Amino acid sequence: MRYKERSIIRDLVYQRVKELFNLAILSIRNNNIEFARKYCKLIKKLSMRSRVRLPRKVKRMICKQCFIPLVPGLTCRVRIRSEGKNSRIVITCLLCGWVHRYKIKR
């Protein structure tokens, strides 16, 4: 596959991922967890099938264990931990208890 074709496919996948992620967040806000899980699994499958990396924002906002979009206050708890020079964002999924830790650059 040529570079131009690859970039066109990547752009289409990114548009679709953005649309599906917005639908997942809307369905979480409407208390429809199963639709949100379905949309997030579809995002993962779409990116794997087309061999396109997910954007970091989308990748970090989907729970890796239960495939739910992490919306602060609804489906996750967000805390900032500062340990000397290292600071971290700790995101805890409220449905399955999975903990995500991300470093913060200073």
Protein backbone atom coordinates (compact mmCIF):
# COMPACT_ATOMS: atom_id res chain seq x y z
CA MET A 1 0.00 0.00 0.00
CA ARG A 2 1.36 3.38 -0.94
CA TYR A 3 1.90 6.22 1.49
CA LYS A 4 -0.96 8.33 0.16
CA GLU A 5 -3.45 5.47 0.41
CA ARG A 6 -2.21 4.70 3.91
CA SER A 7 -2.64 8.30 5.06
CA ILE A 8 -6.18 8.43 3.61
CA ILE A 9 -7.11 5.25 5.48
CA ARG A 10 -5.55 6.61 8.68
CA ASP A 11 -7.55 9.84 8.41
CA LEU A 12 -10.79 7.92 7.87
CA VAL A 13 -10.07 5.69 10.86
CA TYR A 14 -9.30 8.72 13.07
CA GLN A 15 -12.60 10.35 12.08
CA ARG A 16 -14.52 7.17 12.84
CA VAL A 17 -12.73 6.69 16.17
CA LYS A 18 -13.54 10.26 17.19
CA GLU A 19 -17.20 9.77 16.29
CA LEU A 20 -17.46 6.43 18.12
CA PHE A 21 -15.74 7.83 21.21
CA ASN A 22 -18.18 10.75 21.36
CA LEU A 23 -21.08 8.28 21.06
CA ALA A 24 -19.60 6.19 23.88
CA ILE A 25 -19.36 9.22 26.17
CA LEU A 26 -22.94 10.23 25.35
CA SER A 27 -24.21 6.73 26.10
CA ILE A 28 -22.35 6.72 29.45
CA ARG A 29 -24.00 10.02 30.35
CA ASN A 30 -27.38 8.45 29.49
CA ASN A 31 -26.61 5.47 31.81
CA ASN A 32 -26.35 3.01 28.93
CA ILE A 33 -23.18 1.12 29.82
CA GLU A 34 -23.56 -1.74 27.34
CA PHE A 35 -23.70 0.58 24.32
CA ALA A 36 -20.64 2.45 25.60
CA ARG A 37 -18.76 -0.84 26.00
CA LYS A 38 -19.81 -1.88 22.49
CA TYR A 39 -18.55 1.40 21.00
CA CYS A 40 -15.20 1.13 22.81
CA LYS A 41 -14.68 -2.45 21.68
CA LEU A 42 -15.48 -1.34 18.14
CA ILE A 43 -12.85 1.43 18.43
CA LYS A 44 -10.25 -1.10 19.54
CA LYS A 45 -11.16 -3.58 16.80
CA LEU A 46 -11.14 -0.86 14.12
CA SER A 47 -7.68 0.37 15.07
CA MET A 48 -6.26 -3.15 15.24
CA ARG A 49 -7.77 -4.23 11.94
CA SER A 50 -6.56 -1.15 10.06
CA ARG A 51 -3.20 -1.18 11.93
CA VAL A 52 -3.55 2.43 13.05
CA ARG A 53 -2.49 3.64 16.48
CA LEU A 54 -5.16 5.13 18.67
CA PRO A 55 -4.65 8.76 19.67
CA ARG A 56 -3.19 9.04 23.18
CA LYS A 57 -6.25 10.89 24.49
CA VAL A 58 -8.61 8.14 23.36
CA LYS A 59 -6.29 5.34 24.45
CA ARG A 60 -5.98 6.72 27.97
CA MET A 61 -9.69 7.36 28.34
CA ILE A 62 -10.78 3.75 27.75
CA CYS A 63 -10.45 1.24 30.58
CA LYS A 64 -8.22 -1.59 29.44
CA GLN A 65 -10.04 -4.17 31.53
CA CYS A 66 -13.76 -3.46 31.12
CA PHE A 67 -13.74 -1.31 27.91
CA ILE A 68 -15.71 1.59 29.40
CA PRO A 69 -14.93 5.22 28.53
CA LEU A 70 -13.46 6.87 31.60
CA VAL A 71 -15.45 10.02 32.34
CA PRO A 72 -14.29 11.79 35.53
CA GLY A 73 -17.00 11.74 38.17
CA LEU A 74 -19.15 9.16 36.37
CA THR A 75 -16.98 6.15 35.62
CA CYS A 76 -13.60 7.08 37.07
CA ARG A 77 -11.88 8.85 39.93
CA VAL A 78 -8.91 11.11 39.13
CA ARG A 79 -6.23 11.92 41.70
CA ILE A 80 -2.87 13.67 41.42
CA ARG A 81 -0.07 12.11 43.44
CA SER A 82 3.15 13.99 43.97
CA GLU A 83 6.10 11.93 45.17
CA GLY A 84 9.21 14.11 45.22
CA LYS A 85 10.24 14.89 41.68
CA ASN A 86 7.79 12.42 40.20
CA SER A 87 4.16 13.40 39.89
CA ARG A 88 1.49 11.05 38.64
CA ILE A 89 -2.12 11.11 37.61
CA VAL A 90 -3.93 8.13 39.10
CA ILE A 91 -7.16 7.20 37.34
CA THR A 92 -9.31 4.52 38.98
CA CYS A 93 -12.20 2.89 37.12
CA LEU A 94 -15.27 2.89 39.36
CA LEU A 95 -16.82 -0.15 37.65
CA CYS A 96 -13.98 -2.68 37.77
CA GLY A 97 -11.42 -1.02 40.08
CA TRP A 98 -8.61 -1.01 37.51
CA VAL A 99 -5.95 1.62 38.28
CA HIS A 100 -4.10 3.59 35.58
CA ARG A 101 -1.02 5.62 36.52
CA TYR A 102 0.47 8.19 34.16
CA LYS A 103 3.55 10.35 34.72
CA ILE A 104 3.26 14.12 34.53
CA LYS A 105 6.01 16.16 32.93
CA ARG A 106 7.05 19.24 34.87
